[in-house]
Every structure is written in structure tokens, then in C-alpha cells.
PDB file of N, CA and C in Angstrom:
ATOM      1  N   MET A   1      55.686  37.343-117.493  1.00  0.00           N
ATOM      2  CA  MET A   1      56.756  36.717-116.613  1.00  0.00           C
ATOM      3  C   MET A   1      56.518  37.516-115.492  1.00  0.00           C
ATOM      4  N   ARG A   2      56.609  36.894-114.387  1.00  0.00           N
ATOM      5  CA  ARG A   2      56.422  37.343-113.024  1.00  0.00           C
ATOM      6  C   ARG A   2      57.691  37.901-112.270  1.00  0.00           C
ATOM      7  N   ALA A   3      57.624  38.694-111.408  1.00  0.00           N
ATOM      8  CA  ALA A   3      58.872  39.462-110.997  1.00  0.00           C
ATOM      9  C   ALA A   3      59.549  38.538-110.250  1.00  0.00           C
ATOM     10  N   GLY A   4      60.900  38.681-110.107  1.00  0.00           N
ATOM     11  CA  GLY A   4      61.597  37.553-109.864  1.00  0.00           C
ATOM     12  C   GLY A   4      61.962  36.248-110.262  1.00  0.00           C
ATOM     13  N   GLN A   5      61.248  36.175-111.384  1.00  0.00           N
ATOM     14  CA  GLN A   5      61.159  34.812-112.408  1.00  0.00           C
ATOM     15  C   GLN A   5      62.677  35.619-113.377  1.00  0.00           C
ATOM     16  N   VAL A   6      63.361  34.275-113.856  1.00  0.00           N
ATOM     17  CA  VAL A   6      64.378  34.437-114.973  1.00  0.00           C
ATOM     18  C   VAL A   6      64.058  33.795-115.982  1.00  0.00           C
ATOM     19  N   SER A   7      64.070  34.768-117.269  1.00  0.00           N
ATOM     20  CA  SER A   7      63.665  33.696-118.494  1.00  0.00           C
ATOM     21  C   SER A   7      65.017  32.957-118.978  1.00  0.00           C
ATOM     22  N   GLY A   8      64.393  32.228-119.901  1.00  0.00           N
ATOM     23  CA  GLY A   8      65.664  31.162-120.725  1.00  0.00           C
ATOM     24  C   GLY A   8      66.698  32.329-121.330  1.00  0.00           C
ATOM     25  N   GLY A   9      67.706  32.034-121.805  1.00  0.00           N
ATOM     26  CA  GLY A   9      68.866  32.777-122.719  1.00  0.00           C
ATOM     27  C   GLY A   9      69.978  32.609-121.666  1.00  0.00           C
ATOM     28  N   GLU A  10      70.683  33.908-121.845  1.00  0.00           N
ATOM     29  CA  GLU A  10      71.925  33.868-121.181  1.00  0.00           C
ATOM     30  C   GLU A  10      71.700  33.894-119.481  1.00  0.00           C
ATOM     31  N   GLY A  11      70.823  34.240-119.264  1.00  0.00           N
ATOM     32  CA  GLY A  11      70.467  34.130-117.460  1.00  0.00           C
ATOM     33  C   GLY A  11      70.158  32.636-117.349  1.00  0.00           C
ATOM     34  N   GLY A  12      69.436  32.442-118.183  1.00  0.00           N
ATOM     35  CA  GLY A  12      69.044  30.607-117.749  1.00  0.00           C
ATOM     36  C   GLY A  12      68.343  30.451-116.401  1.00  0.00           C
ATOM     37  N   ASP A  13      67.697  29.061-116.468  1.00  0.00           N
ATOM     38  CA  ASP A  13      67.169  28.892-115.418  1.00  0.00           C
ATOM     39  C   ASP A  13      68.305  28.148-114.373  1.00  0.00           C
ATOM     40  N   HIS A  14      68.754  28.636-113.273  1.00  0.00           N
ATOM     41  CA  HIS A  14      69.954  28.291-112.447  1.00  0.00           C
ATOM     42  C   HIS A  14      69.542  26.711-111.661  1.00  0.00           C
ATOM     43  N   ARG A  15      68.161  26.574-111.438  1.00  0.00           N
ATOM     44  CA  ARG A  15      67.762  25.600-111.000  1.00  0.00           C
ATOM     45  C   ARG A  15      68.385  24.261-111.383  1.00  0.00           C
ATOM     46  N   HIS A  16      68.373  24.107-112.607  1.00  0.00           N
ATOM     47  CA  HIS A  16      68.977  22.967-113.474  1.00  0.00           C
ATOM     48  C   HIS A  16      70.843  23.082-113.834  1.00  0.00           C
ATOM     49  N   ALA A  17      70.971  23.966-113.021  1.00  0.00           N
ATOM     50  CA  ALA A  17      72.583  23.776-113.262  1.00  0.00           C
ATOM     51  C   ALA A  17      73.466  22.783-113.146  1.00  0.00           C
ATOM     52  N   ARG A  18      74.518  22.395-113.769  1.00  0.00           N
ATOM     53  CA  ARG A  18      75.090  21.162-113.722  1.00  0.00           C
ATOM     54  C   ARG A  18      76.658  21.553-113.366  1.00  0.00           C
ATOM     55  N   ARG A  19      77.448  20.766-113.042  1.00  0.00           N
ATOM     56  CA  ARG A  19      78.876  21.023-112.948  1.00  0.00           C
ATOM     57  C   ARG A  19      79.695  20.831-114.064  1.00  0.00           C
ATOM     58  N   LEU A  20      80.415  21.427-114.941  1.00  0.00           N
ATOM     59  CA  LEU A  20      80.902  21.223-116.136  1.00  0.00           C
ATOM     60  C   LEU A  20      81.909  20.346-116.022  1.00  0.00           C
ATOM     61  N   VAL A  21      82.821  20.357-114.949  1.00  0.00           N
ATOM     62  CA  VAL A  21      83.937  19.206-114.838  1.00  0.00           C
ATOM     63  C   VAL A  21      83.589  18.459-113.413  1.00  0.00           C
ATOM     64  N   VAL A  22      83.472  17.204-113.467  1.00  0.00           N
ATOM     65  CA  VAL A  22      83.156  16.572-112.335  1.00  0.00           C
ATOM     66  C   VAL A  22      84.281  15.803-112.235  1.00  0.00           C
ATOM     67  N   PRO A  23      85.615  16.004-110.972  1.00  0.00           N
ATOM     68  CA  PRO A  23      86.694  15.277-110.553  1.00  0.00           C
ATOM     69  C   PRO A  23      86.445  13.761-110.342  1.00  0.00           C
ATOM     70  N   GLN A  24      86.988  13.125-111.056  1.00  0.00           N
ATOM     71  CA  GLN A  24      87.186  11.677-110.617  1.00  0.00           C
ATOM     72  C   GLN A  24      88.236  11.229-109.859  1.00  0.00           C
ATOM     73  N   ARG A  25      87.869   9.803-108.980  1.00  0.00           N
ATOM     74  CA  ARG A  25      88.837   9.270-107.997  1.00  0.00           C
ATOM     75  C   ARG A  25      90.244   9.065-109.142  1.00  0.00           C
ATOM     76  N   ALA A  26      91.497   9.025-108.432  1.00  0.00           N
ATOM     77  CA  ALA A  26      92.709   8.908-109.243  1.00  0.00           C
ATOM     78  C   ALA A  26      93.229   7.944-108.041  1.00  0.00           C
ATOM     79  N   ARG A  27      94.470   6.986-109.117  1.00  0.00           N
ATOM     80  CA  ARG A  27      95.340   6.424-108.134  1.00  0.00           C
ATOM     81  C   ARG A  27      96.681   7.105-108.666  1.00  0.00           C
ATOM     82  N   VAL A  28      97.274   7.875-107.669  1.00  0.00           N
ATOM     83  CA  VAL A  28      98.460   8.663-108.049  1.00  0.00           C
ATOM     84  C   VAL A  28      99.520   7.706-107.440  1.00  0.00           C
ATOM     85  N   THR A  29     101.050   8.143-107.860  1.00  0.00           N
ATOM     86  CA  THR A  29     101.990   7.319-107.277  1.00  0.00           C
ATOM     87  C   THR A  29     102.908   8.799-107.105  1.00  0.00           C
ATOM     88  N   VAL A  30     103.651   9.280-106.167  1.00  0.00           N
ATOM     89  CA  VAL A  30     104.324  10.466-105.894  1.00  0.00           C
ATOM     90  C   VAL A  30     105.785  10.269-105.494  1.00  0.00           C
ATOM     91  N   ARG A  31     106.609  11.270-105.589  1.00  0.00           N
ATOM     92  CA  ARG A  31     107.818  11.276-105.086  1.00  0.00           C
ATOM     93  C   ARG A  31     107.777  11.818-103.948  1.00  0.00           C
ATOM     94  N   ALA A  32     108.854  11.861-103.225  1.00  0.00           N
ATOM     95  CA  ALA A  32     108.935  12.277-101.695  1.00  0.00           C
ATOM     96  C   ALA A  32     108.631  13.628-101.538  1.00  0.00           C
ATOM     97  N   ASP A  33     108.512  14.385-102.510  1.00  0.00           N
ATOM     98  CA  ASP A  33     108.379  15.703-102.311  1.00  0.00           C
ATOM     99  C   ASP A  33     106.862  16.225-102.921  1.00  0.00           C
ATOM    100  N   GLY A  34     106.093  14.880-103.182  1.00  0.00           N
ATOM    101  CA  GLY A  34     104.765  15.061-103.783  1.00  0.00           C
ATOM    102  C   GLY A  34     104.352  14.986-105.356  1.00  0.00           C
ATOM    103  N   ARG A  35     105.411  15.133-106.204  1.00  0.00           N
ATOM    104  CA  ARG A  35     105.494  15.623-107.500  1.00  0.00           C
ATOM    105  C   ARG A  35     104.814  13.978-107.839  1.00  0.00           C
ATOM    106  N   PRO A  36     104.051  14.285-108.573  1.00  0.00           N
ATOM    107  CA  PRO A  36     103.313  12.880-109.613  1.00  0.00           C
ATOM    108  C   PRO A  36     104.133  12.045-110.160  1.00  0.00           C
ATOM    109  N   LEU A  37     104.331  10.617-110.210  1.00  0.00           N
ATOM    110  CA  LEU A  37     105.332   9.774-111.046  1.00  0.00           C
ATOM    111  C   LEU A  37     104.274   8.842-111.789  1.00  0.00           C
ATOM    112  N   SER A  38     103.318   8.841-111.299  1.00  0.00           N
ATOM    113  CA  SER A  38     102.073   7.889-112.340  1.00  0.00           C
ATOM    114  C   SER A  38     100.708   8.287-112.129  1.00  0.00           C
ATOM    115  N   VAL A  39      99.821   8.538-112.774  1.00  0.00           N
ATOM    116  CA  VAL A  39      98.459   8.547-112.671  1.00  0.00           C
ATOM    117  C   VAL A  39      97.657   7.292-113.395  1.00  0.00           C
ATOM    118  N   ASP A  40      96.747   6.723-112.425  1.00  0.00           N
ATOM    119  CA  ASP A  40      96.208   5.581-112.912  1.00  0.00           C
ATOM    120  C   ASP A  40      96.822   4.488-113.866  1.00  0.00           C
ATOM    121  N   GLY A  41      97.919   4.202-113.188  1.00  0.00           N
ATOM    122  CA  GLY A  41      98.806   3.376-114.099  1.00  0.00           C
ATOM    123  C   GLY A  41      99.685   4.069-115.016  1.00  0.00           C
ATOM    124  N   ARG A  42      99.664   5.280-115.764  1.00  0.00           N
ATOM    125  CA  ARG A  42     100.385   5.758-116.606  1.00  0.00           C
ATOM    126  C   ARG A  42     101.394   6.604-116.136  1.00  0.00           C
ATOM    127  N   ALA A  43     102.799   6.461-116.639  1.00  0.00           N
ATOM    128  CA  ALA A  43     103.415   7.200-116.231  1.00  0.00           C
ATOM    129  C   ALA A  43     103.979   8.409-116.494  1.00  0.00           C
ATOM    130  N   VAL A  44     104.015   9.276-115.756  1.00  0.00           N
ATOM    131  CA  VAL A  44     104.232  10.950-116.159  1.00  0.00           C
ATOM    132  C   VAL A  44     105.687  11.081-116.432  1.00  0.00           C
ATOM    133  N   GLU A  45     105.411  12.015-117.748  1.00  0.00           N
ATOM    134  CA  GLU A  45     106.777  12.128-118.480  1.00  0.00           C
ATOM    135  C   GLU A  45     106.960  13.346-117.999  1.00  0.00           C
ATOM    136  N   SER A  46     106.273  14.495-117.662  1.00  0.00           N
ATOM    137  CA  SER A  46     106.823  15.831-117.423  1.00  0.00           C
ATOM    138  C   SER A  46     105.488  16.637-116.654  1.00  0.00           C
ATOM    139  N   VAL A  47     105.905  17.456-115.952  1.00  0.00           N
ATOM    140  CA  VAL A  47     104.798  18.312-115.171  1.00  0.00           C
ATOM    141  C   VAL A  47     104.803  19.507-115.511  1.00  0.00           C
ATOM    142  N   ARG A  48     103.764  20.298-116.293  1.00  0.00           N
ATOM    143  CA  ARG A  48     103.947  21.588-116.911  1.00  0.00           C
ATOM    144  C   ARG A  48     103.606  22.633-115.642  1.00  0.00           C
ATOM    145  N   GLU A  49     103.056  22.474-115.045  1.00  0.00           N
ATOM    146  CA  GLU A  49     102.606  23.217-114.112  1.00  0.00           C
ATOM    147  C   GLU A  49     102.164  22.489-112.577  1.00  0.00           C
ATOM    148  N   SER A  50     102.207  23.526-111.334  1.00  0.00           N
ATOM    149  CA  SER A  50     101.716  22.962-110.206  1.00  0.00           C
ATOM    150  C   SER A  50     101.100  24.014-109.634  1.00  0.00           C
ATOM    151  N   TRP A  51      99.945  24.162-108.944  1.00  0.00           N
ATOM    152  CA  TRP A  51      99.631  25.593-107.894  1.00  0.00           C
ATOM    153  C   TRP A  51      98.647  24.648-106.800  1.00  0.00           C
ATOM    154  N   LEU A  52      99.138  25.797-105.710  1.00  0.00           N
ATOM    155  CA  LEU A  52      98.084  25.808-104.397  1.00  0.00           C
ATOM    156  C   LEU A  52      96.708  26.321-104.422  1.00  0.00           C
ATOM    157  N   LEU A  53      95.527  25.867-104.375  1.00  0.00           N
ATOM    158  CA  LEU A  53      94.149  26.390-104.121  1.00  0.00           C
ATOM    159  C   LEU A  53      93.923  26.075-102.530  1.00  0.00           C
ATOM    160  N   GLU A  54      93.614  27.232-102.115  1.00  0.00           N
ATOM    161  CA  GLU A  54      93.251  27.608-100.764  1.00  0.00           C
ATOM    162  C   GLU A  54      91.816  28.682-100.817  1.00  0.00           C
ATOM    163  N   ASP A  55      90.957  27.708-100.225  1.00  0.00           N
ATOM    164  CA  ASP A  55      89.621  28.562-100.312  1.00  0.00           C
ATOM    165  C   ASP A  55      88.606  28.058 -99.152  1.00  0.00           C
ATOM    166  N   ARG A  56      87.725  28.949 -98.615  1.00  0.00           N
ATOM    167  CA  ARG A  56      86.702  28.749 -97.797  1.00  0.00           C
ATOM    168  C   ARG A  56      87.160  28.624 -96.494  1.00  0.00           C
ATOM    169  N   TRP A  57      88.112  29.084 -96.238  1.00  0.00           N
ATOM    170  CA  TRP A  57      88.905  28.751 -94.912  1.00  0.00           C
ATOM    171  C   TRP A  57      88.388  29.284 -93.762  1.00  0.00           C
ATOM    172  N   TRP A  58      87.780  30.423 -94.168  1.00  0.00           N
ATOM    173  CA  TRP A  58      86.482  30.553 -92.858  1.00  0.00           C
ATOM    174  C   TRP A  58      85.403  29.770 -92.639  1.00  0.00           C
ATOM    175  N   THR A  59      85.081  28.685 -93.255  1.00  0.00           N
ATOM    176  CA  THR A  59      84.106  27.916 -92.737  1.00  0.00           C
ATOM    177  C   THR A  59      84.360  26.569 -92.406  1.00  0.00           C
ATOM    178  N   GLU A  60      83.292  25.502 -92.261  1.00  0.00           N
ATOM    179  CA  GLU A  60      83.532  24.282 -91.569  1.00  0.00           C
ATOM    180  C   GLU A  60      84.250  23.491 -92.568  1.00  0.00           C
ATOM    181  N   ARG A  61      84.020  23.899 -93.971  1.00  0.00           N
ATOM    182  CA  ARG A  61      84.308  22.935 -94.900  1.00  0.00           C
ATOM    183  C   ARG A  61      85.416  23.598 -95.759  1.00  0.00           C
ATOM    184  N   PRO A  62      86.429  23.689 -95.175  1.00  0.00           N
ATOM    185  CA  PRO A  62      87.889  24.528 -96.102  1.00  0.00           C
ATOM    186  C   PRO A  62      88.229  23.640 -97.308  1.00  0.00           C
ATOM    187  N   LEU A  63      88.818  24.507 -98.337  1.00  0.00           N
ATOM    188  CA  LEU A  63      89.339  23.892 -99.647  1.00  0.00           C
ATOM    189  C   LEU A  63      90.839  23.987 -99.633  1.00  0.00           C
ATOM    190  N   ARG A  64      91.327  22.919 -99.410  1.00  0.00           N
ATOM    191  CA  ARG A  64      92.943  23.091 -99.982  1.00  0.00           C
ATOM    192  C   ARG A  64      93.432  21.875-100.892  1.00  0.00           C
ATOM    193  N   ARG A  65      93.813  22.605-101.837  1.00  0.00           N
ATOM    194  CA  ARG A  65      94.346  21.434-103.082  1.00  0.00           C
ATOM    195  C   ARG A  65      95.512  21.953-103.650  1.00  0.00           C
ATOM    196  N   ARG A  66      96.351  20.660-103.794  1.00  0.00           N
ATOM    197  CA  ARG A  66      97.571  21.181-104.584  1.00  0.00           C
ATOM    198  C   ARG A  66      97.435  20.279-106.155  1.00  0.00           C
ATOM    199  N   TYR A  67      97.169  21.126-106.948  1.00  0.00           N
ATOM    200  CA  TYR A  67      97.209  20.806-108.497  1.00  0.00           C
ATOM    201  C   TYR A  67      98.144  20.596-109.387  1.00  0.00           C
ATOM    202  N   TRP A  68      98.258  19.746-110.348  1.00  0.00           N
ATOM    203  CA  TRP A  68      99.445  19.260-111.234  1.00  0.00           C
ATOM    204  C   TRP A  68      98.866  19.317-112.283  1.00  0.00           C
ATOM    205  N   GLU A  69      99.161  19.819-113.422  1.00  0.00           N
ATOM    206  CA  GLU A  69      98.949  19.743-114.951  1.00  0.00           C
ATOM    207  C   GLU A  69     100.305  18.745-115.075  1.00  0.00           C
ATOM    208  N   VAL A  70      99.923  17.527-115.542  1.00  0.00           N
ATOM    209  CA  VAL A  70     100.814  16.565-115.949  1.00  0.00           C
ATOM    210  C   VAL A  70     100.838  16.187-117.405  1.00  0.00           C
ATOM    211  N   VAL A  71     101.574  15.759-118.276  1.00  0.00           N
ATOM    212  CA  VAL A  71     101.707  14.862-119.332  1.00  0.00           C
ATOM    213  C   VAL A  71     102.265  13.733-118.812  1.00  0.00           C
ATOM    214  N   SER A  72     101.307  12.261-119.483  1.00  0.00           N
ATOM    215  CA  SER A  72     101.802  11.004-119.476  1.00  0.00           C
ATOM    216  C   SER A  72     102.796  10.918-120.613  1.00  0.00           C
ATOM    217  N   THR A  73     103.428   9.583-120.551  1.00  0.00           N
ATOM    218  CA  THR A  73     104.371   8.688-121.410  1.00  0.00           C
ATOM    219  C   THR A  73     103.692   8.621-123.048  1.00  0.00           C
ATOM    220  N   ASP A  74     102.228   8.271-122.643  1.00  0.00           N
ATOM    221  CA  ASP A  74     101.404   8.371-123.767  1.00  0.00           C
ATOM    222  C   ASP A  74     100.900   9.803-124.352  1.00  0.00           C
ATOM    223  N   GLY A  75     101.274  10.767-123.908  1.00  0.00           N
ATOM    224  CA  GLY A  75     100.981  11.869-124.741  1.00  0.00           C
ATOM    225  C   GLY A  75      99.806  12.534-123.906  1.00  0.00           C
ATOM    226  N   ARG A  76      99.140  12.028-123.013  1.00  0.00           N
ATOM    227  CA  ARG A  76      97.826  12.495-122.581  1.00  0.00           C
ATOM    228  C   ARG A  76      97.909  13.538-121.150  1.00  0.00           C
ATOM    229  N   ASP A  77      97.573  14.821-121.815  1.00  0.00           N
ATOM    230  CA  ASP A  77      97.651  15.998-120.843  1.00  0.00           C
ATOM    231  C   ASP A  77      96.475  16.325-119.881  1.00  0.00           C
ATOM    232  N   GLU A  78      96.630  16.327-118.347  1.00  0.00           N
ATOM    233  CA  GLU A  78      95.619  16.063-117.577  1.00  0.00           C
ATOM    234  C   GLU A  78      95.926  16.880-116.488  1.00  0.00           C
ATOM    235  N   ILE A  79      94.761  17.139-115.760  1.00  0.00           N
ATOM    236  CA  ILE A  79      94.916  18.021-114.263  1.00  0.00           C
ATOM    237  C   ILE A  79      94.640  16.679-113.534  1.00  0.00           C
ATOM    238  N   VAL A  80      95.456  16.917-112.433  1.00  0.00           N
ATOM    239  CA  VAL A  80      95.477  15.962-111.043  1.00  0.00           C
ATOM    240  C   VAL A  80      95.563  17.054-109.975  1.00  0.00           C
ATOM    241  N   PHE A  81      94.786  16.572-108.459  1.00  0.00           N
ATOM    242  CA  PHE A  81      94.880  17.449-107.995  1.00  0.00           C
ATOM    243  C   PHE A  81      94.891  16.299-106.468  1.00  0.00           C
ATOM    244  N   HIS A  82      95.898  16.965-105.450  1.00  0.00           N
ATOM    245  CA  HIS A  82      95.792  16.331-104.180  1.00  0.00           C
ATOM    246  C   HIS A  82      94.916  17.141-103.085  1.00  0.00           C
ATOM    247  N   ASP A  83      93.762  16.603-102.471  1.00  0.00           N
ATOM    248  CA  ASP A  83      92.899  17.037-101.795  1.00  0.00           C
ATOM    249  C   ASP A  83      93.948  17.185-100.306  1.00  0.00           C
ATOM    250  N   LEU A  84      94.240  18.147-100.099  1.00  0.00           N
ATOM    251  CA  LEU A  84      95.104  18.323 -98.580  1.00  0.00           C
ATOM    252  C   LEU A  84      94.473  18.159 -97.424  1.00  0.00           C
ATOM    253  N   CYS A  85      93.070  18.168 -97.234  1.00  0.00           N
ATOM    254  CA  CYS A  85      92.264  17.906 -96.034  1.00  0.00           C
ATOM    255  C   CYS A  85      92.189  16.346 -95.783  1.00  0.00           C
ATOM    256  N   THR A  86      91.546  15.815 -97.102  1.00  0.00           N
ATOM    257  CA  THR A  86      91.291  14.644 -96.773  1.00  0.00           C
ATOM    258  C   THR A  86      92.423  13.623 -97.150  1.00  0.00           C
ATOM    259  N   GLY A  87      93.310  13.637 -98.074  1.00  0.00           N
ATOM    260  CA  GLY A  87      94.493  12.933 -98.462  1.00  0.00           C
ATOM    261  C   GLY A  87      94.239  12.448 -99.971  1.00  0.00           C
ATOM    262  N   ARG A  88      93.172  12.489-100.605  1.00  0.00           N
ATOM    263  CA  ARG A  88      92.701  11.783-101.486  1.00  0.00           C
ATOM    264  C   ARG A  88      93.337  12.748-102.875  1.00  0.00           C
ATOM    265  N   TRP A  89      93.341  11.828-103.820  1.00  0.00           N
ATOM    266  CA  TRP A  89      93.578  12.180-105.438  1.00  0.00           C
ATOM    267  C   TRP A  89      92.626  12.034-106.293  1.00  0.00           C
ATOM    268  N   TRP A  90      92.529  12.969-107.003  1.00  0.00           N
ATOM    269  CA  TRP A  90      91.284  13.066-107.932  1.00  0.00           C
ATOM    270  C   TRP A  90      92.200  13.612-109.348  1.00  0.00           C
ATOM    271  N   ARG A  91      91.442  13.552-110.580  1.00  0.00           N
ATOM    272  CA  ARG A  91      91.736  13.882-111.934  1.00  0.00           C
ATOM    273  C   ARG A  91      90.502  14.680-112.282  1.00  0.00           C
ATOM    274  N   GLN A  92      90.597  15.485-113.389  1.00  0.00           N
ATOM    275  CA  GLN A  92      89.802  16.165-114.099  1.00  0.00           C
ATOM    276  C   GLN A  92      90.365  16.197-115.563  1.00  0.00           C
ATOM    277  N   ARG A  93      89.125  16.565-116.436  1.00  0.00           N
ATOM    278  CA  ARG A  93      89.831  16.759-117.726  1.00  0.00           C
ATOM    279  C   ARG A  93      89.103  18.562-117.867  1.00  0.00           C
TER     280      ARG A  93
END
């Protein structure tokens, strides 16, 4: 192996790295306070948790998201987030 070359195994070859969770666009209806009422047509039964993520504020592409962990009436547990920079909603599993 040459200097600077990474072998397989735990270090792995990072040139072929892929995202583990790729967000998908979501249709979300919300209350006046921003709390989700439905996600992709499924009514939200409860909100388990909500948190704000702010990162890369020092760059040209800051990251500002409000995340919600919700449970739908059919029992589905999922994470949705509102991109506060673009106004779009996304879901991830």
C-alpha cells in the first residue's frame, strides 16, 4: 500500500461514501404555531419531540431546520423537518 492510501475495513474507501438517510420532500399541514397536523395526507396523532438545528451560519449556505418527531394516527413514527431557509418540508426515516 502506498503512503496516503486507505485500505478497506473500518477506515474504508471514502470516495464511495453515501448518505445513510436521504430526506424526501413532504406535504405537511401545520397549525399557526408551526406544529404539524398532517404529513403526506396522514393525520398526526401526537408530537413526541421538536428541536431546532442551526449550523454552518458562518458560510454562504447556512443550515436552519425545525425538526419534529411525530406519530400518525396509523401508528407510523417519523421525523419531518421544516427548512427555515427555503420554507420546504422534508421527511426522513
